[in-house]
């Protein structure tokens, strides 16, 4: 699911709380890998940060991802 607010572009990923904990431990590494992959395909979209909630991870991007 993707949403676009006034100043944010978000990709919302449902995930179990156990997996969220594992994912967030290395979130900076995941951001670097995602951005490297996006640059390799010459995308204008980059990940700014990742935040977690109880059952979802929200990836905030620089532009709307299609």
Protein backbone atom coordinates (compact mmCIF):
# COMPACT_ATOMS: atom_id res chain seq x y z
CA UNK A 1 0.00 0.00 0.00
CA UNK A 2 1.33 3.47 -0.84
CA UNK A 3 0.10 6.82 0.37
CA UNK A 4 1.05 10.38 -0.46
CA UNK A 5 0.59 13.21 2.00
CA UNK A 6 1.43 16.87 1.65
CA UNK A 7 5.10 16.38 2.40
CA UNK A 8 5.56 12.59 2.60
CA UNK A 9 5.65 9.66 0.31
CA UNK A 10 5.16 6.37 2.15
CA UNK A 11 5.24 2.67 1.39
CA UNK A 12 3.48 0.69 4.13
CA UNK A 13 4.57 -2.94 4.58
CA UNK A 14 2.55 -5.21 6.91
CA UNK A 15 4.81 -7.47 8.98
CA UNK A 16 4.74 -9.46 12.22
CA UNK A 17 6.16 -7.77 15.31
CA UNK A 18 8.93 -10.39 15.57
CA UNK A 19 10.08 -9.64 12.01
CA UNK A 20 9.80 -5.89 12.60
CA UNK A 21 12.24 -6.15 15.51
CA UNK A 22 14.74 -8.09 13.39
CA UNK A 23 14.35 -5.70 10.45
CA UNK A 24 14.74 -2.52 12.51
CA UNK A 25 18.01 -3.71 14.10
CA UNK A 26 19.68 -3.30 10.70
CA UNK A 27 17.48 -0.56 9.24
CA UNK A 28 20.39 1.69 8.25
CA UNK A 29 21.94 -1.20 6.33
CA UNK A 30 18.59 -1.89 4.62
CA UNK A 31 18.22 1.78 3.66
CA UNK A 32 21.72 1.81 2.15
CA UNK A 33 21.04 -1.39 0.17
CA UNK A 34 17.65 -0.19 -1.08
CA UNK A 35 19.08 3.18 -2.16
CA UNK A 36 22.02 1.47 -3.90
CA UNK A 37 19.60 -0.74 -5.82
CA UNK A 38 17.42 2.25 -6.75
CA UNK A 39 20.47 4.16 -8.03
CA UNK A 40 21.57 1.12 -10.06
CA UNK A 41 18.27 1.17 -11.95
CA UNK A 42 18.58 4.97 -12.36
CA UNK A 43 15.50 5.70 -10.25
CA UNK A 44 14.77 9.19 -8.92
CA UNK A 45 13.21 7.66 -5.80
CA UNK A 46 15.38 7.29 -2.69
CA UNK A 47 14.50 6.05 0.80
CA UNK A 48 14.76 8.81 3.42
CA UNK A 49 14.02 6.72 6.51
CA UNK A 50 12.15 3.71 7.86
CA UNK A 51 9.84 3.79 10.87
CA UNK A 52 8.01 0.98 12.63
CA UNK A 53 4.63 0.64 14.25
CA UNK A 54 3.01 -2.37 15.92
CA UNK A 55 2.25 -4.33 12.76
CA UNK A 56 3.74 -2.31 9.88
CA UNK A 57 6.97 -0.82 8.65
CA UNK A 58 6.68 2.51 6.87
CA UNK A 59 9.32 3.41 4.29
CA UNK A 60 9.38 7.15 3.59
CA UNK A 61 10.74 8.04 0.16
CA UNK A 62 11.90 11.20 -1.57
CA UNK A 63 9.28 10.90 -4.33
CA UNK A 64 6.17 8.88 -5.03
CA UNK A 65 7.13 5.30 -5.91
CA UNK A 66 5.04 3.83 -8.71
